[in-house]
N, C-alpha and C. Protein backbone atom coordinates (compact mmCIF):
# COMPACT_ATOMS: atom_id res chain seq x y z
N MET A 1 -11.91 -18.22 -10.64
CA MET A 1 -10.50 -18.55 -10.54
C MET A 1 -10.00 -18.15 -9.16
N ALA A 2 -9.27 -19.02 -8.51
CA ALA A 2 -8.75 -18.76 -7.16
C ALA A 2 -7.60 -17.76 -7.22
N ALA A 3 -7.49 -16.98 -6.17
CA ALA A 3 -6.38 -16.02 -6.08
C ALA A 3 -5.07 -16.77 -5.92
N VAL A 4 -4.04 -16.27 -6.56
CA VAL A 4 -2.73 -16.88 -6.49
C VAL A 4 -1.99 -16.30 -5.29
N MET A 5 -1.52 -17.18 -4.43
CA MET A 5 -0.75 -16.73 -3.26
C MET A 5 0.68 -16.49 -3.69
N HIS A 6 1.28 -15.49 -3.14
CA HIS A 6 2.67 -15.21 -3.45
C HIS A 6 3.40 -14.89 -2.16
N SER A 7 4.69 -14.94 -2.22
CA SER A 7 5.52 -14.59 -1.09
C SER A 7 5.86 -13.10 -1.18
N TRP A 8 5.73 -12.39 -0.06
CA TRP A 8 6.09 -10.98 -0.07
C TRP A 8 7.57 -10.80 -0.35
N GLU A 9 8.37 -11.82 -0.06
CA GLU A 9 9.81 -11.73 -0.34
C GLU A 9 10.07 -11.64 -1.84
N ASP A 10 9.13 -12.11 -2.65
CA ASP A 10 9.27 -12.05 -4.11
C ASP A 10 8.74 -10.75 -4.70
N PHE A 11 8.21 -9.87 -3.86
CA PHE A 11 7.61 -8.63 -4.35
C PHE A 11 8.66 -7.79 -5.07
N ASN A 12 8.28 -7.26 -6.23
CA ASN A 12 9.20 -6.47 -7.05
C ASN A 12 9.07 -4.99 -6.67
N HIS A 13 9.92 -4.56 -5.74
CA HIS A 13 9.87 -3.18 -5.25
C HIS A 13 10.22 -2.17 -6.33
N GLU A 14 11.13 -2.51 -7.20
CA GLU A 14 11.52 -1.56 -8.25
C GLU A 14 10.39 -1.36 -9.25
N ARG A 15 9.69 -2.41 -9.61
CA ARG A 15 8.54 -2.28 -10.51
C ARG A 15 7.46 -1.43 -9.86
N SER A 16 7.21 -1.68 -8.58
CA SER A 16 6.22 -0.90 -7.84
C SER A 16 6.61 0.57 -7.78
N SER A 17 7.89 0.82 -7.55
CA SER A 17 8.38 2.19 -7.48
C SER A 17 8.23 2.90 -8.82
N ALA A 18 8.53 2.20 -9.90
CA ALA A 18 8.38 2.79 -11.23
C ALA A 18 6.91 3.13 -11.52
N MET A 19 6.00 2.26 -11.09
CA MET A 19 4.57 2.52 -11.28
C MET A 19 4.13 3.73 -10.45
N LYS A 20 4.64 3.84 -9.22
CA LYS A 20 4.31 5.01 -8.39
C LYS A 20 4.74 6.28 -9.09
N ARG A 21 5.97 6.30 -9.57
CA ARG A 21 6.48 7.51 -10.23
C ARG A 21 5.66 7.83 -11.47
N ARG A 22 5.17 6.83 -12.16
CA ARG A 22 4.41 7.05 -13.39
C ARG A 22 2.99 7.55 -13.12
N PHE A 23 2.36 7.03 -12.08
CA PHE A 23 0.93 7.30 -11.89
C PHE A 23 0.58 8.19 -10.70
N ILE A 24 1.51 8.40 -9.77
CA ILE A 24 1.21 9.18 -8.57
C ILE A 24 2.26 10.28 -8.43
N PRO A 25 1.95 11.50 -8.83
CA PRO A 25 2.93 12.59 -8.76
C PRO A 25 3.42 12.84 -7.33
N LEU A 26 4.71 12.70 -7.13
CA LEU A 26 5.31 12.85 -5.81
C LEU A 26 5.01 14.20 -5.20
N ASP A 27 5.07 15.26 -5.99
CA ASP A 27 4.83 16.59 -5.44
C ASP A 27 3.42 16.72 -4.88
N GLU A 28 2.45 16.03 -5.48
CA GLU A 28 1.08 16.08 -4.98
C GLU A 28 0.94 15.29 -3.68
N VAL A 29 1.67 14.18 -3.57
CA VAL A 29 1.66 13.40 -2.33
C VAL A 29 2.26 14.24 -1.20
N LEU A 30 3.41 14.85 -1.46
CA LEU A 30 4.08 15.64 -0.44
C LEU A 30 3.22 16.84 -0.01
N SER A 31 2.57 17.47 -0.96
CA SER A 31 1.68 18.59 -0.65
C SER A 31 0.49 18.12 0.19
N PHE A 32 -0.06 16.97 -0.16
CA PHE A 32 -1.22 16.42 0.53
C PHE A 32 -0.89 16.11 1.99
N LEU A 33 0.31 15.59 2.25
CA LEU A 33 0.71 15.26 3.61
C LEU A 33 1.06 16.50 4.44
N ASP A 34 1.35 17.61 3.76
CA ASP A 34 1.65 18.87 4.45
C ASP A 34 2.68 18.65 5.56
N ILE A 35 3.83 18.13 5.15
CA ILE A 35 4.89 17.77 6.10
C ILE A 35 5.55 19.02 6.67
N LYS A 36 5.67 19.03 7.99
CA LYS A 36 6.34 20.11 8.71
C LYS A 36 7.75 19.66 9.06
N GLU A 37 8.65 20.60 9.33
CA GLU A 37 10.05 20.26 9.53
C GLU A 37 10.32 19.38 10.73
N ASN A 38 9.41 19.35 11.70
CA ASN A 38 9.63 18.52 12.88
C ASN A 38 8.64 17.35 12.99
N ASP A 39 7.97 16.99 11.91
CA ASP A 39 7.02 15.88 11.92
C ASP A 39 7.71 14.56 12.22
N ARG A 40 6.96 13.71 12.91
CA ARG A 40 7.38 12.33 13.18
C ARG A 40 6.43 11.44 12.36
N ILE A 41 7.00 10.77 11.36
CA ILE A 41 6.19 10.07 10.37
C ILE A 41 6.52 8.59 10.37
N LEU A 42 5.48 7.76 10.31
CA LEU A 42 5.62 6.32 10.14
C LEU A 42 5.06 5.95 8.79
N GLU A 43 5.88 5.30 7.97
CA GLU A 43 5.37 4.73 6.71
C GLU A 43 5.29 3.23 6.88
N ILE A 44 4.10 2.69 6.79
CA ILE A 44 3.87 1.24 6.90
C ILE A 44 3.92 0.64 5.50
N GLY A 45 4.72 -0.41 5.34
CA GLY A 45 4.89 -1.03 4.03
C GLY A 45 5.71 -0.13 3.14
N ALA A 46 6.87 0.29 3.65
CA ALA A 46 7.68 1.31 2.98
C ALA A 46 8.35 0.85 1.69
N GLY A 47 8.28 -0.43 1.37
CA GLY A 47 8.83 -0.90 0.10
C GLY A 47 10.32 -0.68 0.00
N ASN A 48 10.71 0.19 -0.92
CA ASN A 48 12.15 0.48 -1.09
C ASN A 48 12.55 1.78 -0.37
N GLY A 49 11.63 2.41 0.35
CA GLY A 49 11.95 3.59 1.14
C GLY A 49 11.92 4.91 0.41
N GLU A 50 11.43 4.89 -0.82
CA GLU A 50 11.42 6.11 -1.64
C GLU A 50 10.62 7.24 -0.98
N TYR A 51 9.39 6.95 -0.55
CA TYR A 51 8.60 7.98 0.12
C TYR A 51 9.25 8.38 1.44
N ALA A 52 9.68 7.40 2.23
CA ALA A 52 10.27 7.70 3.53
C ALA A 52 11.47 8.64 3.39
N GLU A 53 12.28 8.43 2.38
CA GLU A 53 13.43 9.31 2.16
C GLU A 53 12.97 10.74 1.89
N GLU A 54 11.96 10.90 1.06
CA GLU A 54 11.44 12.24 0.76
C GLU A 54 10.86 12.88 2.01
N PHE A 55 10.13 12.10 2.80
CA PHE A 55 9.57 12.64 4.04
C PHE A 55 10.69 13.12 4.96
N ALA A 56 11.76 12.33 5.07
CA ALA A 56 12.88 12.69 5.94
C ALA A 56 13.55 13.98 5.47
N ARG A 57 13.64 14.16 4.18
CA ARG A 57 14.23 15.40 3.64
C ARG A 57 13.36 16.61 4.00
N MET A 58 12.05 16.42 4.02
CA MET A 58 11.13 17.53 4.30
C MET A 58 10.96 17.78 5.79
N ALA A 59 11.35 16.83 6.63
CA ALA A 59 11.22 16.97 8.08
C ALA A 59 12.60 16.83 8.73
N PRO A 60 13.53 17.76 8.41
CA PRO A 60 14.90 17.60 8.89
C PRO A 60 15.05 17.64 10.41
N LYS A 61 14.10 18.25 11.11
CA LYS A 61 14.14 18.29 12.57
C LYS A 61 13.21 17.23 13.18
N GLY A 62 12.58 16.45 12.31
CA GLY A 62 11.66 15.40 12.75
C GLY A 62 12.31 14.03 12.65
N HIS A 63 11.45 13.04 12.48
CA HIS A 63 11.95 11.66 12.40
C HIS A 63 11.01 10.85 11.52
N VAL A 64 11.58 10.00 10.66
CA VAL A 64 10.79 9.15 9.78
C VAL A 64 11.16 7.70 10.04
N THR A 65 10.14 6.88 10.26
CA THR A 65 10.33 5.45 10.46
C THR A 65 9.74 4.73 9.26
N ALA A 66 10.57 3.96 8.58
CA ALA A 66 10.13 3.17 7.42
C ALA A 66 9.92 1.74 7.91
N MET A 67 8.65 1.34 8.06
CA MET A 67 8.34 -0.02 8.48
C MET A 67 8.19 -0.91 7.25
N GLU A 68 8.93 -1.99 7.24
CA GLU A 68 8.88 -2.91 6.11
C GLU A 68 8.94 -4.34 6.63
N LEU A 69 8.13 -5.19 6.03
CA LEU A 69 8.00 -6.58 6.43
C LEU A 69 9.07 -7.47 5.79
N THR A 70 9.44 -7.18 4.55
CA THR A 70 10.28 -8.11 3.79
C THR A 70 11.78 -7.84 3.97
N GLU A 71 12.54 -8.90 3.83
CA GLU A 71 14.00 -8.79 3.89
C GLU A 71 14.52 -7.96 2.72
N ASN A 72 13.98 -8.23 1.53
CA ASN A 72 14.40 -7.51 0.32
C ASN A 72 14.13 -6.01 0.45
N GLY A 73 12.91 -5.65 0.84
CA GLY A 73 12.58 -4.24 1.01
C GLY A 73 13.42 -3.60 2.11
N SER A 74 13.62 -4.31 3.20
CA SER A 74 14.42 -3.77 4.31
C SER A 74 15.84 -3.48 3.85
N ARG A 75 16.39 -4.36 3.04
CA ARG A 75 17.75 -4.15 2.51
C ARG A 75 17.79 -2.90 1.62
N LEU A 76 16.77 -2.73 0.78
CA LEU A 76 16.70 -1.56 -0.09
C LEU A 76 16.59 -0.26 0.73
N ILE A 77 15.78 -0.30 1.78
CA ILE A 77 15.64 0.88 2.65
C ILE A 77 16.95 1.18 3.35
N PHE A 78 17.59 0.14 3.90
CA PHE A 78 18.86 0.34 4.59
C PHE A 78 19.89 0.95 3.65
N ASP A 79 19.99 0.42 2.44
CA ASP A 79 20.93 0.98 1.45
C ASP A 79 20.60 2.44 1.14
N ARG A 80 19.32 2.75 1.02
CA ARG A 80 18.87 4.12 0.73
C ARG A 80 19.26 5.05 1.88
N MET A 81 19.11 4.57 3.11
CA MET A 81 19.48 5.38 4.27
C MET A 81 20.98 5.67 4.27
N ILE A 82 21.79 4.67 3.97
CA ILE A 82 23.25 4.85 3.95
C ILE A 82 23.64 5.83 2.84
N LEU A 83 23.11 5.61 1.64
CA LEU A 83 23.46 6.47 0.50
C LEU A 83 23.01 7.91 0.69
N SER A 84 21.84 8.11 1.28
CA SER A 84 21.31 9.46 1.45
C SER A 84 22.01 10.21 2.59
N GLY A 85 22.54 9.47 3.55
CA GLY A 85 23.17 10.11 4.70
C GLY A 85 22.18 10.74 5.67
N LEU A 86 20.90 10.47 5.50
CA LEU A 86 19.88 11.05 6.37
C LEU A 86 19.96 10.42 7.76
N LYS A 87 20.08 11.25 8.76
CA LYS A 87 20.18 10.77 10.15
C LYS A 87 18.83 10.72 10.84
N ASN A 88 17.81 11.27 10.22
CA ASN A 88 16.48 11.32 10.82
C ASN A 88 15.54 10.27 10.23
N MET A 89 16.10 9.22 9.67
CA MET A 89 15.32 8.14 9.07
C MET A 89 15.81 6.82 9.65
N GLU A 90 14.86 5.96 10.02
CA GLU A 90 15.23 4.65 10.53
C GLU A 90 14.38 3.57 9.89
N LEU A 91 14.91 2.38 9.89
CA LEU A 91 14.22 1.20 9.38
C LEU A 91 13.65 0.44 10.57
N TRP A 92 12.41 0.04 10.43
CA TRP A 92 11.76 -0.78 11.45
C TRP A 92 11.26 -2.02 10.71
N LYS A 93 12.00 -3.11 10.79
CA LYS A 93 11.60 -4.36 10.12
C LYS A 93 10.56 -5.03 11.00
N ALA A 94 9.30 -4.92 10.58
CA ALA A 94 8.21 -5.43 11.41
C ALA A 94 6.97 -5.67 10.56
N ASN A 95 6.11 -6.51 11.08
CA ASN A 95 4.79 -6.76 10.54
C ASN A 95 3.83 -5.86 11.31
N ALA A 96 3.17 -4.96 10.64
CA ALA A 96 2.27 -4.00 11.31
C ALA A 96 1.18 -4.71 12.11
N CYS A 97 0.82 -5.90 11.73
CA CYS A 97 -0.21 -6.66 12.46
C CYS A 97 0.28 -7.09 13.84
N ARG A 98 1.58 -7.04 14.05
CA ARG A 98 2.13 -7.47 15.34
C ARG A 98 2.60 -6.28 16.20
N VAL A 99 2.30 -5.07 15.76
CA VAL A 99 2.70 -3.87 16.51
C VAL A 99 1.53 -3.45 17.39
N ASP A 100 1.82 -3.22 18.66
CA ASP A 100 0.77 -2.85 19.61
C ASP A 100 0.66 -1.36 19.87
N ASP A 101 1.71 -0.60 19.56
CA ASP A 101 1.74 0.81 19.94
C ASP A 101 2.15 1.68 18.76
N PHE A 102 1.28 2.60 18.39
CA PHE A 102 1.55 3.54 17.30
C PHE A 102 1.65 4.97 17.82
N SER A 103 1.99 5.12 19.10
CA SER A 103 2.17 6.46 19.65
C SER A 103 3.51 7.02 19.17
N GLY A 104 3.66 8.32 19.31
CA GLY A 104 4.92 8.96 18.95
C GLY A 104 5.00 9.43 17.51
N PHE A 105 3.93 9.27 16.75
CA PHE A 105 3.92 9.70 15.35
C PHE A 105 2.86 10.77 15.13
N ASP A 106 3.21 11.75 14.31
CA ASP A 106 2.24 12.78 13.90
C ASP A 106 1.44 12.32 12.69
N LYS A 107 2.11 11.50 11.86
CA LYS A 107 1.49 11.05 10.62
C LYS A 107 1.83 9.58 10.40
N ILE A 108 0.81 8.81 10.03
CA ILE A 108 0.98 7.41 9.65
C ILE A 108 0.54 7.32 8.19
N PHE A 109 1.40 6.76 7.36
CA PHE A 109 1.20 6.78 5.90
C PHE A 109 1.29 5.36 5.34
N MET A 110 0.36 5.04 4.44
CA MET A 110 0.39 3.76 3.71
C MET A 110 0.07 4.02 2.25
N SER A 111 0.92 3.55 1.37
CA SER A 111 0.69 3.70 -0.06
C SER A 111 0.49 2.33 -0.70
N ASN A 112 -0.72 2.09 -1.19
CA ASN A 112 -1.08 0.83 -1.85
C ASN A 112 -0.75 -0.37 -0.98
N VAL A 113 -1.02 -0.23 0.31
CA VAL A 113 -0.69 -1.28 1.28
C VAL A 113 -1.93 -1.76 2.03
N PHE A 114 -2.83 -0.85 2.38
CA PHE A 114 -3.93 -1.19 3.28
C PHE A 114 -4.76 -2.35 2.75
N HIS A 115 -4.99 -2.42 1.46
CA HIS A 115 -5.80 -3.50 0.91
C HIS A 115 -5.15 -4.87 1.09
N ASP A 116 -3.84 -4.90 1.35
CA ASP A 116 -3.12 -6.17 1.55
C ASP A 116 -2.98 -6.54 3.03
N ILE A 117 -3.31 -5.66 3.93
CA ILE A 117 -3.17 -5.95 5.36
C ILE A 117 -4.33 -6.83 5.80
N LYS A 118 -3.98 -8.01 6.28
CA LYS A 118 -5.01 -8.99 6.66
C LYS A 118 -5.68 -8.65 7.99
N CYS A 119 -5.05 -7.80 8.77
CA CYS A 119 -5.58 -7.45 10.10
C CYS A 119 -6.04 -6.00 10.14
N ASN A 120 -6.61 -5.50 9.04
CA ASN A 120 -6.87 -4.06 8.98
C ASN A 120 -7.80 -3.54 10.07
N ASP A 121 -8.80 -4.31 10.49
CA ASP A 121 -9.65 -3.86 11.59
C ASP A 121 -8.84 -3.78 12.89
N GLN A 122 -8.03 -4.77 13.13
CA GLN A 122 -7.20 -4.82 14.33
C GLN A 122 -6.20 -3.65 14.35
N ILE A 123 -5.57 -3.39 13.23
CA ILE A 123 -4.57 -2.32 13.19
C ILE A 123 -5.24 -0.95 13.37
N LEU A 124 -6.42 -0.77 12.82
CA LEU A 124 -7.12 0.51 13.00
C LEU A 124 -7.53 0.71 14.45
N GLU A 125 -7.90 -0.34 15.13
CA GLU A 125 -8.22 -0.23 16.56
C GLU A 125 -6.98 0.17 17.34
N ARG A 126 -5.83 -0.40 17.00
CA ARG A 126 -4.59 -0.03 17.69
C ARG A 126 -4.20 1.41 17.37
N PHE A 127 -4.43 1.84 16.13
CA PHE A 127 -4.21 3.26 15.80
C PHE A 127 -5.04 4.12 16.75
N ARG A 128 -6.34 3.84 16.80
CA ARG A 128 -7.27 4.65 17.58
C ARG A 128 -6.88 4.67 19.05
N GLU A 129 -6.47 3.53 19.57
CA GLU A 129 -6.15 3.42 21.00
C GLU A 129 -4.81 4.06 21.36
N THR A 130 -3.84 4.07 20.45
CA THR A 130 -2.49 4.45 20.86
C THR A 130 -1.92 5.69 20.17
N MET A 131 -2.47 6.09 19.04
CA MET A 131 -1.86 7.23 18.36
C MET A 131 -2.21 8.54 19.05
N GLU A 132 -1.37 9.54 18.82
CA GLU A 132 -1.57 10.86 19.42
C GLU A 132 -2.91 11.43 18.96
N SER A 133 -3.55 12.23 19.80
CA SER A 133 -4.89 12.74 19.50
C SER A 133 -4.92 13.64 18.26
N ASN A 134 -3.80 14.31 17.97
CA ASN A 134 -3.76 15.19 16.79
C ASN A 134 -3.09 14.54 15.58
N ALA A 135 -2.75 13.26 15.69
CA ALA A 135 -2.09 12.56 14.58
C ALA A 135 -3.09 12.29 13.45
N MET A 136 -2.54 12.05 12.27
CA MET A 136 -3.37 11.76 11.11
C MET A 136 -2.90 10.48 10.44
N VAL A 137 -3.84 9.83 9.75
CA VAL A 137 -3.55 8.62 8.98
C VAL A 137 -3.82 8.94 7.52
N PHE A 138 -2.85 8.60 6.66
CA PHE A 138 -2.93 8.89 5.23
C PHE A 138 -2.89 7.59 4.43
N PHE A 139 -3.73 7.52 3.41
CA PHE A 139 -3.76 6.36 2.54
C PHE A 139 -3.62 6.78 1.09
N ILE A 140 -2.91 5.99 0.31
CA ILE A 140 -3.03 5.98 -1.14
C ILE A 140 -3.50 4.58 -1.48
N GLU A 141 -4.57 4.49 -2.24
CA GLU A 141 -5.11 3.19 -2.63
C GLU A 141 -5.54 3.22 -4.09
N PHE A 142 -5.62 2.03 -4.67
CA PHE A 142 -6.11 1.89 -6.04
C PHE A 142 -7.61 2.13 -6.09
N LYS A 143 -8.06 2.83 -7.09
CA LYS A 143 -9.50 2.97 -7.31
C LYS A 143 -10.06 1.60 -7.69
N LYS A 144 -11.29 1.38 -7.37
CA LYS A 144 -11.95 0.10 -7.63
C LYS A 144 -11.95 -0.22 -9.13
N ASP A 145 -12.12 0.80 -9.97
CA ASP A 145 -12.22 0.58 -11.42
C ASP A 145 -10.92 0.86 -12.17
N ALA A 146 -9.81 1.00 -11.46
CA ALA A 146 -8.53 1.29 -12.12
C ALA A 146 -8.11 0.14 -13.02
N GLU A 147 -7.44 0.49 -14.10
CA GLU A 147 -6.98 -0.52 -15.07
C GLU A 147 -5.72 -1.23 -14.60
N ILE A 148 -5.13 -0.76 -13.53
CA ILE A 148 -3.93 -1.37 -12.98
C ILE A 148 -4.19 -1.74 -11.53
N GLY A 149 -3.31 -2.56 -10.96
CA GLY A 149 -3.42 -2.90 -9.55
C GLY A 149 -3.93 -4.30 -9.31
N PRO A 150 -4.20 -4.60 -8.05
CA PRO A 150 -4.69 -5.93 -7.70
C PRO A 150 -6.11 -6.14 -8.23
N PRO A 151 -6.60 -7.36 -8.21
CA PRO A 151 -7.97 -7.60 -8.65
C PRO A 151 -8.95 -6.72 -7.86
N PRO A 152 -10.00 -6.23 -8.53
CA PRO A 152 -10.94 -5.31 -7.88
C PRO A 152 -11.51 -5.82 -6.55
N GLU A 153 -11.67 -7.12 -6.41
CA GLU A 153 -12.25 -7.64 -5.16
C GLU A 153 -11.33 -7.45 -3.95
N PHE A 154 -10.07 -7.12 -4.19
CA PHE A 154 -9.14 -6.87 -3.10
C PHE A 154 -9.01 -5.38 -2.76
N ARG A 155 -9.65 -4.52 -3.52
CA ARG A 155 -9.52 -3.07 -3.35
C ARG A 155 -10.66 -2.52 -2.51
N PHE A 156 -10.43 -1.33 -1.99
CA PHE A 156 -11.47 -0.58 -1.30
C PHE A 156 -11.80 0.65 -2.14
N SER A 157 -13.09 0.86 -2.39
CA SER A 157 -13.48 2.12 -3.03
C SER A 157 -13.26 3.24 -2.01
N GLU A 158 -13.31 4.46 -2.48
CA GLU A 158 -13.15 5.60 -1.58
C GLU A 158 -14.21 5.58 -0.47
N LYS A 159 -15.44 5.27 -0.84
CA LYS A 159 -16.54 5.22 0.14
C LYS A 159 -16.36 4.05 1.10
N GLU A 160 -15.89 2.90 0.59
CA GLU A 160 -15.66 1.75 1.46
C GLU A 160 -14.58 2.05 2.50
N LEU A 161 -13.49 2.67 2.07
CA LEU A 161 -12.43 3.01 3.02
C LEU A 161 -12.94 4.01 4.05
N GLN A 162 -13.69 4.99 3.60
CA GLN A 162 -14.24 5.98 4.53
C GLN A 162 -15.16 5.30 5.55
N SER A 163 -15.98 4.38 5.11
CA SER A 163 -16.88 3.66 6.01
C SER A 163 -16.10 2.84 7.04
N ILE A 164 -15.05 2.17 6.59
CA ILE A 164 -14.20 1.39 7.50
C ILE A 164 -13.57 2.30 8.54
N MET A 165 -13.03 3.42 8.09
CA MET A 165 -12.37 4.35 9.00
C MET A 165 -13.36 4.94 10.01
N GLU A 166 -14.54 5.31 9.55
CA GLU A 166 -15.55 5.87 10.45
C GLU A 166 -15.97 4.85 11.50
N LYS A 167 -16.06 3.59 11.10
CA LYS A 167 -16.42 2.52 12.03
C LYS A 167 -15.41 2.43 13.18
N HIS A 168 -14.17 2.83 12.91
CA HIS A 168 -13.11 2.75 13.92
C HIS A 168 -12.82 4.10 14.58
N GLY A 169 -13.70 5.08 14.38
CA GLY A 169 -13.57 6.34 15.10
C GLY A 169 -12.73 7.40 14.42
N PHE A 170 -12.58 7.32 13.11
CA PHE A 170 -11.82 8.31 12.35
C PHE A 170 -12.76 9.08 11.44
N SER A 171 -12.40 10.32 11.15
CA SER A 171 -13.21 11.10 10.21
C SER A 171 -12.32 11.57 9.06
N LEU A 172 -12.90 11.59 7.88
CA LEU A 172 -12.20 12.01 6.68
C LEU A 172 -11.91 13.50 6.76
N SER A 173 -10.65 13.87 6.61
CA SER A 173 -10.24 15.27 6.64
C SER A 173 -10.16 15.87 5.25
N ARG A 174 -9.60 15.09 4.33
CA ARG A 174 -9.50 15.55 2.94
C ARG A 174 -9.19 14.37 2.04
N SER A 175 -9.40 14.58 0.76
CA SER A 175 -9.12 13.53 -0.22
C SER A 175 -8.64 14.17 -1.53
N HIS A 176 -8.00 13.34 -2.33
CA HIS A 176 -7.47 13.79 -3.62
C HIS A 176 -7.52 12.59 -4.56
N SER A 177 -7.78 12.85 -5.82
CA SER A 177 -7.95 11.77 -6.78
C SER A 177 -6.94 11.87 -7.92
N PHE A 178 -6.45 10.71 -8.33
CA PHE A 178 -5.62 10.56 -9.52
C PHE A 178 -6.39 9.68 -10.50
N LYS A 179 -5.81 9.40 -11.64
CA LYS A 179 -6.49 8.56 -12.63
C LYS A 179 -6.77 7.15 -12.08
N HIS A 180 -5.77 6.52 -11.46
CA HIS A 180 -5.91 5.13 -10.99
C HIS A 180 -5.94 5.00 -9.48
N HIS A 181 -5.65 6.06 -8.76
CA HIS A 181 -5.52 6.02 -7.31
C HIS A 181 -6.30 7.16 -6.66
N TYR A 182 -6.43 7.07 -5.36
CA TYR A 182 -6.95 8.18 -4.57
C TYR A 182 -6.14 8.27 -3.28
N MET A 183 -6.13 9.46 -2.70
CA MET A 183 -5.50 9.68 -1.39
C MET A 183 -6.58 10.15 -0.44
N GLN A 184 -6.49 9.69 0.80
CA GLN A 184 -7.39 10.15 1.83
C GLN A 184 -6.59 10.40 3.11
N ALA A 185 -7.01 11.41 3.87
CA ALA A 185 -6.40 11.75 5.15
C ALA A 185 -7.47 11.68 6.21
N TYR A 186 -7.14 11.07 7.36
CA TYR A 186 -8.09 10.89 8.46
C TYR A 186 -7.51 11.38 9.78
N SER A 187 -8.40 11.90 10.60
CA SER A 187 -8.04 12.26 11.97
C SER A 187 -8.99 11.52 12.90
N LEU A 188 -8.64 11.48 14.17
CA LEU A 188 -9.54 10.87 15.14
C LEU A 188 -10.79 11.73 15.26
N ALA A 189 -11.95 11.09 15.28
CA ALA A 189 -13.22 11.81 15.34
C ALA A 189 -13.44 12.42 16.72
């Protein structure tokens, strides 16, 4: 059966957010990222901005950039920024595949996004070339055998993601597992 193409503008951010809250404990994500008060964080594919808002609260002297491709998600993030009153959070409406420079960030974070990025080799090369030498890249992804998520052929196993990252000059720093997801953190090798 052929994969069904969909428009990212039709993506249900609220459903995705509810699934995150159900299956991925926020406190464990925040602990895993080890956010410092002056961290500069980029979230790629920020959805409705839920994680970005939490990061901004934990880094009051830092800065959080929520990158989102869709108009719907961007509107949700903008509304969240206004309602929260956070001054250290910004919206960057952009396609990560078209960004050439990832400097200026201590942490780059993607939650259930990397498997959907069509230019993942290209983006990892740009990370390696432009990000700060002490910066880290964090992923949350669906396990290959999880009962939820995209079809298994679109997912990366933990070993597959590690192999991809190593090919681009990154080394695994730490990992954490949930029932349906895993988290991995990488630094430049």
